[in-house]
Amino acid sequence: MPESEAGTPTASAPATPGTPGGPLISSLRVDSLSYDRKSMPRCKCLPVTAPSWGQTHTCFTDFPTPDVSLTRKLGAEFVGTFILIFAATAAPIVNQKYNNAETLIGNAASAGLAVMVIILSTGHISGAHLNPSLTIAFAALRHFPWVQVPAYIAAQVSASICASFALKGVFHPFMSGGVTVPSVSTSQAFALEFLITFNLLFVVTAVATDTRAVGELAGIAVGATVMLNILIAGPSSGGSMNPVRTLGPAVAAGNYKSLWIYILAPTLGALAGAGIYTAVKLREDEVTDPPRQVRSFRR
């Protein structure tokens, strides 16, 4: 999400960033980044998987076997986050090493394109969250099961650290160019990270959870939002939008300056962005058009 930066949420049957395709089931549109909150039960048990069409919800105490195993989801999430952090961090490192060869537009395009291709390639497996803030926001709004949140965040953090040390080995001693640190005051950096993550999650929530949004173009929508946000905030705060975009490079470079900003601000911005879209979207009784049918890049 830029996650990421971004990043994008998950379901056993995804649709997509609106941060962030999936198995094609019947003619109805299926979310790739989350599952419909209406499918969530009003029970007190912890939900594990979203129900398939026509099936009842299953809870943690039932020990169900999901359509896509958690191991595969975590594998896809790890690989997707690795690619994102590698691409989004490599561009500013190259920019530093070769005297602004990439420029701001190149840095933004690298992150945006990485998000787009990852959503299109792994969204149908893991939902392509790529961002702990997005995962937490979707779980808070009941689009993603809380029981899977720790595993997703662990996969994202470990992938970020692995990608960052890979970059350190390849580009040493220029790793510092990939670390996101503010060039403005703490309050300004916090506000920028909050606002750009708000923008990202507003879009992600729209294309991931609303059947009236054009979910087929999710990858393009999310990637474009990430690119736009970096063009706005890149020179000031680094345009992180994603705690692991900052955490991995910070660990590899040993530079933890203002790290708390890039953990707290994106998380609060993600909760706000996802919450605001949920509040303003049309209710079922206000819908006049029939649900969109699935149009997938796989067809």
C-alpha atoms as a PDB file:
ATOM      1  CA  MET A   1       0.000   0.000   0.000  1.00  0.00           C
ATOM      2  CA  PRO A   2       1.994   0.967  -0.313  1.00  0.00           C
ATOM      3  CA  GLU A   3       0.956  -0.823   0.536  1.00  0.00           C
ATOM      4  CA  SER A   4       3.259   0.880  -0.006  1.00  0.00           C
ATOM      5  CA  GLU A   5       2.656   0.932   0.343  1.00  0.00           C
ATOM      6  CA  ALA A   6       0.292  -0.658   0.011  1.00  0.00           C
ATOM      7  CA  GLY A   7      -1.242  -2.965  -0.075  1.00  0.00           C
ATOM      8  CA  THR A   8      -4.509  -4.424  -0.157  1.00  0.00           C
ATOM      9  CA  PRO A   9      -7.508  -7.621   2.522  1.00  0.00           C
ATOM     10  CA  THR A  10      -8.492 -11.271   1.984  1.00  0.00           C
ATOM     11  CA  ALA A  11     -11.156 -13.776   1.453  1.00  0.00           C
ATOM     12  CA  SER A  12     -11.507 -17.354   0.438  1.00  0.00           C
ATOM     13  CA  ALA A  13     -12.973 -16.031  -2.798  1.00  0.00           C
ATOM     14  CA  PRO A  14     -11.513 -12.606  -3.636  1.00  0.00           C
ATOM     15  CA  ALA A  15     -12.532  -9.573  -6.272  1.00  0.00           C
ATOM     16  CA  THR A  16     -10.636  -6.517  -6.045  1.00  0.00           C
ATOM     17  CA  PRO A  17      -7.296  -1.613  -4.533  1.00  0.00           C
ATOM     18  CA  GLY A  18     -10.050  -0.383  -3.574  1.00  0.00           C
ATOM     19  CA  THR A  19      -4.185  -0.080  -0.522  1.00  0.00           C
ATOM     20  CA  PRO A  20      -5.829  -3.770  -2.673  1.00  0.00           C
ATOM     21  CA  GLY A  21      -9.364 -11.194  -8.795  1.00  0.00           C
ATOM     22  CA  GLY A  22      -9.982 -14.356  -7.234  1.00  0.00           C
ATOM     23  CA  PRO A  23     -11.653 -17.652  -7.886  1.00  0.00           C
ATOM     24  CA  LEU A  24     -14.540 -17.169 -10.244  1.00  0.00           C
ATOM     25  CA  ILE A  25     -17.703 -18.505  -8.652  1.00  0.00           C
ATOM     26  CA  SER A  26     -20.978 -18.351 -10.556  1.00  0.00           C
ATOM     27  CA  SER A  27     -21.957 -15.131 -12.296  1.00  0.00           C
ATOM     28  CA  LEU A  28     -21.845 -12.992  -9.179  1.00  0.00           C
ATOM     29  CA  ARG A  29     -18.933 -10.699  -8.436  1.00  0.00           C
ATOM     30  CA  VAL A  30     -16.672 -12.063  -5.737  1.00  0.00           C
ATOM     31  CA  ASP A  31     -14.352  -9.922  -3.640  1.00  0.00           C
ATOM     32  CA  SER A  32     -10.611 -10.527  -3.868  1.00  0.00           C
ATOM     33  CA  LEU A  33      -9.581  -8.288  -1.024  1.00  0.00           C
ATOM     34  CA  SER A  34     -12.280  -9.060   1.491  1.00  0.00           C
ATOM     35  CA  TYR A  35     -15.557 -10.704   2.037  1.00  0.00           C
ATOM     36  CA  ASP A  36     -18.954  -9.078   2.296  1.00  0.00           C
ATOM     37  CA  ARG A  37     -19.637  -7.936   5.825  1.00  0.00           C
ATOM     38  CA  LYS A  38     -23.187  -9.249   5.446  1.00  0.00           C
ATOM     39  CA  SER A  39     -21.734 -12.748   5.405  1.00  0.00           C
ATOM     40  CA  MET A  40     -20.402 -12.235   8.906  1.00  0.00           C
ATOM     41  CA  PRO A  41     -22.502 -13.833  11.617  1.00  0.00           C
ATOM     42  CA  ARG A  42     -23.923 -12.073  14.625  1.00  0.00           C
ATOM     43  CA  CYS A  43     -22.303 -14.640  16.886  1.00  0.00           C
ATOM     44  CA  LYS A  44     -19.703 -14.273  19.592  1.00  0.00           C
ATOM     45  CA  CYS A  45     -17.249 -16.769  18.191  1.00  0.00           C
ATOM     46  CA  LEU A  46     -14.226 -15.779  16.123  1.00  0.00           C
ATOM     47  CA  PRO A  47     -14.866 -16.080  12.367  1.00  0.00           C
ATOM     48  CA  VAL A  48     -12.246 -18.020  10.429  1.00  0.00           C
ATOM     49  CA  THR A  49     -13.468 -18.039   6.845  1.00  0.00           C
ATOM     50  CA  ALA A  50     -16.147 -16.320   4.845  1.00  0.00           C
ATOM     51  CA  PRO A  51     -18.942 -18.653   3.760  1.00  0.00           C
ATOM     52  CA  SER A  52     -19.266 -19.699   0.163  1.00  0.00           C
ATOM     53  CA  TRP A  53     -22.481 -18.852  -1.601  1.00  0.00           C
ATOM     54  CA  GLY A  54     -25.383 -20.647   0.015  1.00  0.00           C
ATOM     55  CA  GLN A  55     -23.352 -22.027   2.919  1.00  0.00           C
ATOM     56  CA  THR A  56     -23.524 -21.137   6.580  1.00  0.00           C
ATOM     57  CA  HIS A  57     -20.739 -19.284   8.343  1.00  0.00           C
ATOM     58  CA  THR A  58     -18.080 -21.256  10.178  1.00  0.00           C
ATOM     59  CA  CYS A  59     -16.341 -20.147  13.341  1.00  0.00           C
ATOM     60  CA  PHE A  60     -13.063 -20.814  15.072  1.00  0.00           C
ATOM     61  CA  THR A  61     -14.531 -23.480  17.300  1.00  0.00           C
ATOM     62  CA  ASP A  62     -15.609 -25.471  14.228  1.00  0.00           C
ATOM     63  CA  PHE A  63     -12.008 -25.893  12.974  1.00  0.00           C
ATOM     64  CA  PRO A  64     -13.084 -25.661   9.316  1.00  0.00           C
ATOM     65  CA  THR A  65     -10.922 -26.337   6.290  1.00  0.00           C
ATOM     66  CA  PRO A  66     -10.942 -23.145   4.136  1.00  0.00           C
ATOM     67  CA  ASP A  67     -11.152 -23.204   0.352  1.00  0.00           C
ATOM     68  CA  VAL A  68      -7.678 -21.669   0.202  1.00  0.00           C
ATOM     69  CA  SER A  69      -5.438 -22.885   3.011  1.00  0.00           C
ATOM     70  CA  LEU A  70      -3.977 -20.289   5.349  1.00  0.00           C
ATOM     71  CA  THR A  71      -0.511 -21.569   4.475  1.00  0.00           C
ATOM     72  CA  ARG A  72      -1.028 -20.711   0.803  1.00  0.00           C
ATOM     73  CA  LYS A  73      -2.455 -17.315   1.686  1.00  0.00           C
ATOM     74  CA  LEU A  74       0.545 -16.529   3.864  1.00  0.00           C
ATOM     75  CA  GLY A  75       2.921 -17.744   1.172  1.00  0.00           C
ATOM     76  CA  ALA A  76       1.295 -15.471  -1.404  1.00  0.00           C
ATOM     77  CA  GLU A  77       1.261 -12.584   1.079  1.00  0.00           C
ATOM     78  CA  PHE A  78       4.956 -13.073   1.842  1.00  0.00           C
ATOM     79  CA  VAL A  79       5.973 -13.166  -1.819  1.00  0.00           C
ATOM     80  CA  GLY A  80       3.730 -10.219  -2.716  1.00  0.00           C
ATOM     81  CA  THR A  81       5.056  -8.076   0.128  1.00  0.00           C
ATOM     82  CA  PHE A  82       8.640  -9.049  -0.722  1.00  0.00           C
ATOM     83  CA  ILE A  83       8.175  -7.901  -4.318  1.00  0.00           C
ATOM     84  CA  LEU A  84       6.501  -4.668  -3.228  1.00  0.00           C
ATOM     85  CA  ILE A  85       9.163  -3.690  -0.695  1.00  0.00           C
ATOM     86  CA  PHE A  86      11.968  -4.681  -3.042  1.00  0.00           C
ATOM     87  CA  ALA A  87      10.572  -2.580  -5.902  1.00  0.00           C
ATOM     88  CA  ALA A  88       9.383   0.390  -3.851  1.00  0.00           C
ATOM     89  CA  THR A  89      12.661   0.618  -1.927  1.00  0.00           C
ATOM     90  CA  ALA A  90      14.989  -0.136  -4.823  1.00  0.00           C
ATOM     91  CA  ALA A  91      13.837   2.871  -6.848  1.00  0.00           C
ATOM     92  CA  PRO A  92      14.942   5.532  -4.310  1.00  0.00           C
ATOM     93  CA  ILE A  93      18.170   3.593  -3.679  1.00  0.00           C
ATOM     94  CA  VAL A  94      18.929   3.653  -7.417  1.00  0.00           C
ATOM     95  CA  ASN A  95      17.984   7.319  -7.394  1.00  0.00           C
ATOM     96  CA  GLN A  96      20.561   7.959  -4.690  1.00  0.00           C
ATOM     97  CA  LYS A  97      23.276   5.838  -6.294  1.00  0.00           C
ATOM     98  CA  TYR A  98      22.933   7.253  -9.794  1.00  0.00           C
ATOM     99  CA  ASN A  99      22.341  10.928  -9.048  1.00  0.00           C
ATOM    100  CA  ASN A 100      18.552  11.211  -9.346  1.00  0.00           C
ATOM    101  CA  ALA A 101      18.281   8.916 -12.353  1.00  0.00           C
ATOM    102  CA  GLU A 102      14.842   7.743 -11.243  1.00  0.00           C
ATOM    103  CA  THR A 103      13.371  11.102 -10.156  1.00  0.00           C
ATOM    104  CA  LEU A 104      10.219  11.391  -8.025  1.00  0.00           C
ATOM    105  CA  ILE A 105       8.030  10.193 -10.883  1.00  0.00           C
ATOM    106  CA  GLY A 106      10.167   7.077 -11.264  1.00  0.00           C
ATOM    107  CA  ASN A 107       9.944   6.321  -7.542  1.00  0.00           C
ATOM    108  CA  ALA A 108       6.172   6.735  -7.587  1.00  0.00           C
ATOM    109  CA  ALA A 109       5.739   4.649 -10.722  1.00  0.00           C
ATOM    110  CA  SER A 110       7.893   1.841  -9.314  1.00  0.00           C
ATOM    111  CA  ALA A 111       5.738   1.505  -6.206  1.00  0.00           C
ATOM    112  CA  GLY A 112       2.446   1.929  -8.072  1.00  0.00           C
ATOM    113  CA  LEU A 113       3.315  -0.623 -10.738  1.00  0.00           C
ATOM    114  CA  ALA A 114       4.493  -3.098  -8.099  1.00  0.00           C
ATOM    115  CA  VAL A 115       1.173  -2.835  -6.252  1.00  0.00           C
ATOM    116  CA  MET A 116      -0.776  -3.248  -9.487  1.00  0.00           C
ATOM    117  CA  VAL A 117       0.999  -6.386 -10.688  1.00  0.00           C
ATOM    118  CA  ILE A 118       0.930  -8.010  -7.249  1.00  0.00           C
ATOM    119  CA  ILE A 119      -2.832  -7.484  -6.889  1.00  0.00           C
ATOM    120  CA  LEU A 120      -3.414  -8.943 -10.328  1.00  0.00           C
ATOM    121  CA  SER A 121      -1.161 -11.940  -9.658  1.00  0.00           C
ATOM    122  CA  THR A 122      -1.878 -12.858  -6.021  1.00  0.00           C
ATOM    123  CA  GLY A 123      -5.131 -11.091  -5.182  1.00  0.00           C
ATOM    124  CA  HIS A 124      -7.131 -14.247  -5.848  1.00  0.00           C
ATOM    125  CA  ILE A 125      -5.010 -16.200  -3.358  1.00  0.00           C
ATOM    126  CA  SER A 126      -4.349 -13.963  -0.366  1.00  0.00           C
ATOM    127  CA  GLY A 127      -6.240 -10.786  -1.240  1.00  0.00           C
ATOM    128  CA  ALA A 128      -2.894  -8.980  -1.661  1.00  0.00           C
ATOM    129  CA  HIS A 129      -3.044  -6.918   1.528  1.00  0.00           C
ATOM    130  CA  LEU A 130       0.718  -6.195   1.585  1.00  0.00           C
ATOM    131  CA  ASN A 131       0.106  -3.744   4.423  1.00  0.00           C
ATOM    132  CA  PRO A 132      -0.562  -4.348   8.150  1.00  0.00           C
ATOM    133  CA  SER A 133      -2.628  -1.157   8.340  1.00  0.00           C
ATOM    134  CA  LEU A 134      -4.945  -2.443   5.634  1.00  0.00           C
ATOM    135  CA  THR A 135      -5.242  -5.838   7.311  1.00  0.00           C
ATOM    136  CA  ILE A 136      -6.142  -4.244  10.649  1.00  0.00           C
ATOM    137  CA  ALA A 137      -8.645  -1.835   9.067  1.00  0.00           C
ATOM    138  CA  PHE A 138     -10.453  -4.603   7.194  1.00  0.00           C
ATOM    139  CA  ALA A 139     -10.571  -6.772  10.301  1.00  0.00           C
ATOM    140  CA  ALA A 140     -11.953  -3.861  12.349  1.00  0.00           C
ATOM    141  CA  LEU A 141     -14.750  -3.373   9.805  1.00  0.00           C
ATOM    142  CA  ARG A 142     -15.478  -7.111   9.652  1.00  0.00           C
ATOM    143  CA  HIS A 143     -14.229  -7.624   6.108  1.00  0.00           C
ATOM    144  CA  PHE A 144     -11.457  -9.951   7.300  1.00  0.00           C
ATOM    145  CA  PRO A 145     -11.225 -12.467  10.179  1.00  0.00           C
ATOM    146  CA  TRP A 146      -9.317 -11.244  13.223  1.00  0.00           C
ATOM    147  CA  VAL A 147      -7.949 -14.718  13.867  1.00  0.00           C
ATOM    148  CA  GLN A 148      -5.797 -14.474  10.709  1.00  0.00           C
ATOM    149  CA  VAL A 149      -4.494 -10.957  11.382  1.00  0.00           C
ATOM    150  CA  PRO A 150      -1.374 -11.931  13.424  1.00  0.00           C
ATOM    151  CA  ALA A 151      -0.267 -14.448  10.786  1.00  0.00           C
ATOM    152  CA  TYR A 152      -0.760 -11.931   7.962  1.00  0.00           C
ATOM    153  CA  ILE A 153       1.200  -9.237   9.790  1.00  0.00           C
ATOM    154  CA  ALA A 154       3.991 -11.693  10.580  1.00  0.00           C
ATOM    155  CA  ALA A 155       4.242 -12.615   6.893  1.00  0.00           C
ATOM    156  CA  GLN A 156       4.294  -8.952   5.861  1.00  0.00           C
ATOM    157  CA  VAL A 157       6.935  -7.932   8.413  1.00  0.00           C
ATOM    158  CA  SER A 158       9.229 -10.876   7.660  1.00  0.00           C
ATOM    159  CA  ALA A 159       8.929 -10.293   3.897  1.00  0.00           C
ATOM    160  CA  SER A 160       9.803  -6.623   4.354  1.00  0.00           C
ATOM    161  CA  ILE A 161      12.905  -7.406   6.384  1.00  0.00           C
ATOM    162  CA  CYS A 162      14.032 -10.095   3.920  1.00  0.00           C
ATOM    163  CA  ALA A 163      13.554  -7.772   0.935  1.00  0.00           C
ATOM    164  CA  SER A 164      15.417  -4.964   2.693  1.00  0.00           C
ATOM    165  CA  PHE A 165      18.447  -7.110   3.521  1.00  0.00           C
ATOM    166  CA  ALA A 166      18.451  -8.400  -0.055  1.00  0.00           C
ATOM    167  CA  LEU A 167      18.605  -4.786  -1.222  1.00  0.00           C
ATOM    168  CA  LYS A 168      21.341  -4.032   1.281  1.00  0.00           C
ATOM    169  CA  GLY A 169      23.419  -6.862  -0.131  1.00  0.00           C
ATOM    170  CA  VAL A 170      22.893  -5.731  -3.726  1.00  0.00           C
ATOM    171  CA  PHE A 171      23.228  -1.965  -3.334  1.00  0.00           C
ATOM    172  CA  HIS A 172      25.531  -1.579  -0.319  1.00  0.00           C
ATOM    173  CA  PRO A 173      26.441   1.050   0.840  1.00  0.00           C
ATOM    174  CA  PHE A 174      23.460   2.960  -0.562  1.00  0.00           C
ATOM    175  CA  MET A 175      20.708   1.430   1.606  1.00  0.00           C
ATOM    176  CA  SER A 176      19.987   4.732   3.344  1.00  0.00           C
ATOM    177  CA  GLY A 177      18.309   6.034   0.192  1.00  0.00           C
ATOM    178  CA  GLY A 178      15.449   3.585   0.661  1.00  0.00           C
ATOM    179  CA  VAL A 179      14.633   4.559   4.241  1.00  0.00           C
ATOM    180  CA  THR A 180      11.563   6.756   4.655  1.00  0.00           C
ATOM    181  CA  VAL A 181      12.384   9.597   7.028  1.00  0.00           C
ATOM    182  CA  PRO A 182      10.581  12.952   7.266  1.00  0.00           C
ATOM    183  CA  SER A 183      12.135  16.085   5.814  1.00  0.00           C
ATOM    184  CA  VAL A 184       9.433  18.199   7.463  1.00  0.00           C
ATOM    185  CA  SER A 185       8.297  18.554  11.065  1.00  0.00           C
ATOM    186  CA  THR A 186       6.958  15.569  12.994  1.00  0.00           C
ATOM    187  CA  SER A 187       3.401  16.898  12.951  1.00  0.00           C
ATOM    188  CA  GLN A 188       3.500  17.574   9.209  1.00  0.00           C
ATOM    189  CA  ALA A 189       4.888  14.113   8.458  1.00  0.00           C
ATOM    190  CA  PHE A 190       2.246  12.507  10.672  1.00  0.00           C
ATOM    191  CA  ALA A 191      -0.530  14.450   8.956  1.00  0.00           C
ATOM    192  CA  LEU A 192       0.747  13.573   5.480  1.00  0.00           C
ATOM    193  CA  GLU A 193       1.017   9.853   6.232  1.00  0.00           C
ATOM    194  CA  PHE A 194      -2.429   9.860   7.804  1.00  0.00           C
ATOM    195  CA  LEU A 195      -4.018  11.619   4.831  1.00  0.00           C
ATOM    196  CA  ILE A 196      -2.411   9.614   2.050  1.00  0.00           C
ATOM    197  CA  THR A 197      -3.242   6.332   3.810  1.00  0.00           C
ATOM    198  CA  PHE A 198      -6.796   7.609   4.233  1.00  0.00           C
ATOM    199  CA  ASN A 199      -6.924   8.155   0.463  1.00  0.00           C
ATOM    200  CA  LEU A 200      -5.566   4.677  -0.218  1.00  0.00           C
ATOM    201  CA  LEU A 201      -7.965   2.817   2.068  1.00  0.00           C
ATOM    202  CA  PHE A 202     -10.959   4.803   0.862  1.00  0.00           C
ATOM    203  CA  VAL A 203     -10.233   3.525  -2.652  1.00  0.00           C
ATOM    204  CA  VAL A 204      -9.356   0.005  -1.509  1.00  0.00           C
ATOM    205  CA  THR A 205     -12.550  -0.338   0.502  1.00  0.00           C
ATOM    206  CA  ALA A 206     -14.613   0.850  -2.446  1.00  0.00           C
ATOM    207  CA  VAL A 207     -13.287  -1.642  -4.968  1.00  0.00           C
ATOM    208  CA  ALA A 208     -12.882  -4.492  -2.495  1.00  0.00           C
ATOM    209  CA  THR A 209     -16.187  -4.460  -0.662  1.00  0.00           C
ATOM    210  CA  ASP A 210     -18.779  -2.688  -2.818  1.00  0.00           C
ATOM    211  CA  THR A 211     -20.353  -4.633  -5.680  1.00  0.00           C
ATOM    212  CA  ARG A 212     -21.216  -1.367  -7.427  1.00  0.00           C
ATOM    213  CA  ALA A 213     -17.555  -0.344  -7.737  1.00  0.00           C
ATOM    214  CA  VAL A 214     -15.514  -1.422 -10.749  1.00  0.00           C
ATOM    215  CA  GLY A 215     -13.637  -4.179  -8.933  1.00  0.00           C
ATOM    216  CA  GLU A 216     -12.233  -5.655 -12.126  1.00  0.00           C
ATOM    217  CA  LEU A 217      -9.844  -2.702 -12.312  1.00  0.00           C
ATOM    218  CA  ALA A 218      -8.767  -2.997  -8.679  1.00  0.00           C
ATOM    219  CA  GLY A 219      -5.079  -3.374  -9.420  1.00  0.00           C
ATOM    220  CA  ILE A 220      -5.031  -0.292 -11.609  1.00  0.00           C
ATOM    221  CA  ALA A 221      -7.059   1.750  -9.114  1.00  0.00           C
ATOM    222  CA  VAL A 222      -4.838   0.868  -6.179  1.00  0.00           C
ATOM    223  CA  GLY A 223      -1.586   1.237  -8.070  1.00  0.00           C
ATOM    224  CA  ALA A 224      -2.660   4.644  -9.379  1.00  0.00           C
ATOM    225  CA  THR A 225      -3.611   5.767  -5.858  1.00  0.00           C
ATOM    226  CA  VAL A 226      -0.220   4.689  -4.501  1.00  0.00           C
ATOM    227  CA  MET A 227       1.557   6.543  -7.292  1.00  0.00           C
ATOM    228  CA  LEU A 228      -0.520   9.682  -6.729  1.00  0.00           C
ATOM    229  CA  ASN A 229       0.155   9.633  -2.982  1.00  0.00           C
ATOM    230  CA  ILE A 230       3.911   9.298  -3.466  1.00  0.00           C
ATOM    231  CA  LEU A 231       3.937  12.200  -5.908  1.00  0.00           C
ATOM    232  CA  ILE A 232       2.220  14.263  -3.208  1.00  0.00           C
ATOM    233  CA  ALA A 233       4.072  13.176  -0.075  1.00  0.00           C
ATOM    234  CA  GLY A 234       7.278  11.556  -1.335  1.00  0.00           C
ATOM    235  CA  PRO A 235       9.581  14.572  -0.924  1.00  0.00           C
ATOM    236  CA  SER A 236       8.180  15.377   2.536  1.00  0.00           C
ATOM    237  CA  SER A 237       7.458  12.151   4.409  1.00  0.00           C
ATOM    238  CA  GLY A 238       8.619   9.520   1.923  1.00  0.00           C
ATOM    239  CA  GLY A 239       5.067   8.494   1.028  1.00  0.00           C
ATOM    240  CA  SER A 240       5.115   5.252   3.001  1.00  0.00           C
ATOM    241  CA  MET A 241       1.396   4.496   3.653  1.00  0.00           C
ATOM    242  CA  ASN A 242       2.571   1.156   5.004  1.00  0.00           C
ATOM    243  CA  PRO A 243       4.359   0.321   8.284  1.00  0.00           C
ATOM    244  CA  VAL A 244       6.409  -2.467   6.683  1.00  0.00           C
ATOM    245  CA  ARG A 245       7.551  -0.171   3.865  1.00  0.00           C
ATOM    246  CA  THR A 246       9.385   1.770   6.572  1.00  0.00           C
ATOM    247  CA  LEU A 247      10.163  -0.974   9.098  1.00  0.00           C
ATOM    248  CA  GLY A 248      12.175  -3.332   6.873  1.00  0.00           C
ATOM    249  CA  PRO A 249      14.507  -0.700   5.389  1.00  0.00           C
ATOM    250  CA  ALA A 250      14.886   0.870   8.852  1.00  0.00           C
ATOM    251  CA  VAL A 251      16.082  -2.452  10.288  1.00  0.00           C
ATOM    252  CA  ALA A 252      18.450  -3.096   7.381  1.00  0.00           C
ATOM    253  CA  ALA A 253      19.925   0.406   7.501  1.00  0.00           C
ATOM    254  CA  GLY A 254      19.845   0.750  11.301  1.00  0.00           C
ATOM    255  CA  ASN A 255      17.945   4.028  10.992  1.00  0.00           C
ATOM    256  CA  TYR A 256      14.862   4.181  13.237  1.00  0.00           C
ATOM    257  CA  LYS A 257      14.291   7.932  13.091  1.00  0.00           C
ATOM    258  CA  SER A 258      10.603   8.791  13.608  1.00  0.00           C
ATOM    259  CA  LEU A 259       9.633   5.147  13.055  1.00  0.00           C
ATOM    260  CA  TRP A 260       6.564   5.547  15.257  1.00  0.00           C
ATOM    261  CA  ILE A 261       5.052   7.992  12.760  1.00  0.00           C
ATOM    262  CA  TYR A 262       5.101   5.369  10.005  1.00  0.00           C
ATOM    263  CA  ILE A 263       3.469   2.784  12.242  1.00  0.00           C
ATOM    264  CA  LEU A 264       0.770   4.868  13.925  1.00  0.00           C
ATOM    265  CA  ALA A 265      -0.254   7.371  11.227  1.00  0.00           C
ATOM    266  CA  PRO A 266      -0.919   4.808   8.453  1.00  0.00           C
ATOM    267  CA  THR A 267      -2.896   2.596  10.829  1.00  0.00           C
ATOM    268  CA  LEU A 268      -5.125   5.460  11.962  1.00  0.00           C
ATOM    269  CA  GLY A 269      -5.467   6.712   8.384  1.00  0.00           C
ATOM    270  CA  ALA A 270      -6.426   3.240   7.183  1.00  0.00           C
ATOM    271  CA  LEU A 271      -9.124   2.886   9.847  1.00  0.00           C
ATOM    272  CA  ALA A 272     -10.484   6.325   8.972  1.00  0.00           C
ATOM    273  CA  GLY A 273     -10.452   5.783   5.203  1.00  0.00           C
ATOM    274  CA  ALA A 274     -12.106   2.370   5.356  1.00  0.00           C
ATOM    275  CA  GLY A 275     -14.616   3.599   7.921  1.00  0.00           C
ATOM    276  CA  ILE A 276     -15.604   6.687   5.933  1.00  0.00           C
ATOM    277  CA  TYR A 277     -16.260   4.719   2.753  1.00  0.00           C
ATOM    278  CA  THR A 278     -18.327   2.214   4.707  1.00  0.00           C
ATOM    279  CA  ALA A 279     -20.362   5.105   6.118  1.00  0.00           C
ATOM    280  CA  VAL A 280     -21.052   6.817   2.783  1.00  0.00           C
ATOM    281  CA  LYS A 281     -21.596   3.851   0.468  1.00  0.00           C
ATOM    282  CA  LEU A 282     -25.089   3.092  -0.767  1.00  0.00           C
ATOM    283  CA  ARG A 283     -27.235   0.744   1.267  1.00  0.00           C
ATOM    284  CA  GLU A 284     -28.874  -2.259  -0.319  1.00  0.00           C
ATOM    285  CA  ASP A 285     -32.319  -0.617  -0.227  1.00  0.00           C
ATOM    286  CA  GLU A 286     -30.922   2.340  -2.212  1.00  0.00           C
ATOM    287  CA  VAL A 287     -29.603   0.243  -5.070  1.00  0.00           C
ATOM    288  CA  THR A 288     -31.537   0.254  -8.323  1.00  0.00           C
ATOM    289  CA  ASP A 289     -29.017  -1.434 -10.617  1.00  0.00           C
ATOM    290  CA  PRO A 290     -28.420  -5.198 -10.417  1.00  0.00           C
ATOM    291  CA  PRO A 291     -25.056  -6.412  -9.045  1.00  0.00           C
ATOM    292  CA  ARG A 292     -22.193  -6.401 -11.517  1.00  0.00           C
ATOM    293  CA  GLN A 293     -21.234  -9.664 -13.093  1.00  0.00           C
ATOM    294  CA  VAL A 294     -17.700 -10.944 -12.867  1.00  0.00           C
ATOM    295  CA  ARG A 295     -15.309  -9.767 -15.566  1.00  0.00           C
ATOM    296  CA  SER A 296     -11.900 -11.120 -14.790  1.00  0.00           C
ATOM    297  CA  PHE A 297      -8.472 -10.731 -16.375  1.00  0.00           C
ATOM    298  CA  ARG A 298      -8.289 -14.518 -16.283  1.00  0.00           C
ATOM    299  CA  ARG A 299     -11.110 -14.836 -18.814  1.00  0.00           C
END
